[in-house]
Amino acid sequence: MTVLDRAAVTGCLDHIDPVGLVARTLLAHAHKETVLPAEGYLGWENSGGAYSRSLAMLGGITGLASPLYGLKVVNASTSNSGLGIERAGGVMMMFDPETARPRTLAEAAVISALRTAAYTVLSVQHLGPVDVERVSVLGCGTLARMHLRLLASYLPSVRTVHVYDIVPERTRALVDWAAQTLPALDVVAVDDARTCVAAAQVLVTVTVSATPYIDASWFTEPTFVAHVSLDDVDRSVFEGSEAVFVDDVDLVVENPRRILGSLVADGTVALAPHPDRAFIAGTLGGVLAGRAEAVRPGAGHVISNPFGMAILDVALLGEVIRVAGDLGLGFDLDLVGSVACG
């Protein structure tokens, strides 16, 4: 089995078009050329009472000359940042399509952050304001950095990014990092979440909040909301939306732990266009395939609320494996070894 650590995975990223790859994978999903089982979920509180969880996410992409089948196990605890480590981390495996044996083991955090940011950028391209100039980001951790990288690469009209985190040191660290790494972006720290939201044409939430706190009154203009994290916007934002788009409707229905899943479960948000209620207008893949009409912010806000599909991670890992082979990255691990018979 080939092992790709974080350095190897990161070394491949400059050779990959993540947004294009996510678009192709969403189209494959819309055309039913994927396999997406329900995710496994294990949650607990650690010794400090912090929410901790493990997600096991399987996915397959069948509409390829060589199918891809893989697994992502990504674990997180909300107390990790206080320990000086990333909130989430894990591993991915790619399986041999013939023998089903694991053939690649890779560090998952970078791939997971990349697919999340690539999905956000793709959604802004197709559902956000045209030629957006101002973006606001709530949460200043690893996901925020990956989002800023891709915003700078794929949305050159973006000039200013307002950022906020409940930990001021994280906000300052993100601003300093962006000044050194992404000089084309003017990354501005703001003092509170409401100011950050009010400054946005596009709002990206990448926090760890399990309690909704953003009220519809916080928005001062039509806004595209990339609701990436768990529970940042409250029910008033969904109820007042022009349209809601997701990555997969079944994932929403199967996960009432997140606010959109709970609103669908109690009937507040309909699963199809509805004259009297907020509704899920379709999937981003459906928009790309021409099966759902794109809606951009007009009189109100449009929400993108992906729940996370393992097939996007699997697609990216497939590209990482290809590039790693070309670059000679990674090392082999013999899991079987020799067996002595006495």
Foldseek 3Di string as FASTA:
>chain_A
DWEAEPVLLVVLVVVDDLLVLLLVLLLLVVVVQKDWDAKDKDWDAPPVRWTKIKIKTWMWGRPDPQIKTKIWIKIATPCVVVVVDDRMWTKMFIAHPPPRHTDYIYTQPVLQLLNLLSVVLLCCVQFEDPLFAEEEEEDQDDSVLNNVVVCVVPRVSHAEYEYEYPDVVSLVVSQVVCVVPPVSHHYHYDDDDLVRQQRAQEYEYDDADLEADAAQVSHDAAHEYEDEYAHHHAVNQQFPAPAEAESDVVNLCVDCSGPSSVCCVVVQEDDDDDDRHHYHQYYSSCCSVVNGPHHYGDRHYYYYYYPDTCSSSRSSVVSSVVSCVVVVDTDDDDPPPDDDDD
